[in-house]
Amino acid sequence: MADISGKKWVSATSDDDDGGSASVDIEEHLELERLTISDSKKLLVLDLNGLLVHTFRKSKKVQIPNSRRPDAIVGKKRVFKRPFCDEFVRFCFQRFHVGIWSSNIKRYVDGVIDCALGELRSRLVFIWDQSDCTYTGLKTIDDPDDPKKPLFLKELKKIWDNESSDLPWSKGRYSSSNTLLIDDTPYKALLNPPNNAIFPHPYSVEHVDDDGLGLQGEMRMFLEGLADAEDVPSYVAAHPFGQPAITATDPNWDFYSQIIHSFSNDH
């Protein structure tokens, strides 16, 4: 096998399991392996914060339930895993190829993935961070908690074209027809085709009864249907989910349309 040191991807045909966890029996393990090598699976590109975990600085005022303690501390941030995260991640690996793409820095991303996925991180087909995002040079305008937050975009075209050749497939393997980005921040998808992303409302540790990732949760049910759908855009268009995409009806459209225009010209 070629030297992959320094790469940010893991082979989709990895034989590593989750360390023999008692929660996974042999039948499920074999099913995981059988489905992992399937070439017909769609690609899920998952965000971290707000989807699988809730992270925040210790100084931020958050009403943490008495029953919860941080699952990890990464840098200056507390990390709380979302309820049903483990079961949800296993389901995703069964039905899809899965990559992680966060707009945070690599050191933070690695620490949060270790908390959220543990040894299952070896099943990820890639791990991307802020360095793989498109930096607009602007600050966000709709985040009152962090008004100076840099505005980064996640261009799926980078995955589809594989221009940097650091993904375990050739150009054309994935496209708008079989890729879904899941991110709780709609502006991250500004430069992508319509209906290639969904934007769930962000998870917070304050949501004590959250079951969005559970067996009957809305996210799990949505993805069950997507896995069997003919193509991603048609399914997403027919099954509205979470927050709306940013379009001309958005109150901040003047701001966002300038970004689209500027970067579309660059491309």
Foldseek 3Di string as FASTA:
>chain_A
DDDLPPFFFADLQDLDDQPPDPVADPVLSVLLNVQSPDLPFFEEEEEQDQPFKPKDAPPDDDDADPVDDFLDQQDRIGIGGDPPLAVLVSVCSNLHAYEYEYLADPSRQVVRCCSRPNPNVNNHQGYHYNVQWAFLVDFDDPDPVCRRHTDTADECVCVQCVPVVSTPDHHPSHDLFRAEYEAQDQLNCLQYDPQRYAHAHGDDSNCVPDCLSPPPHPVNVLVVVVSPDRGRRVSCVVDPHHDDHDDPVDPCCVVSVVSNVVVVVVD
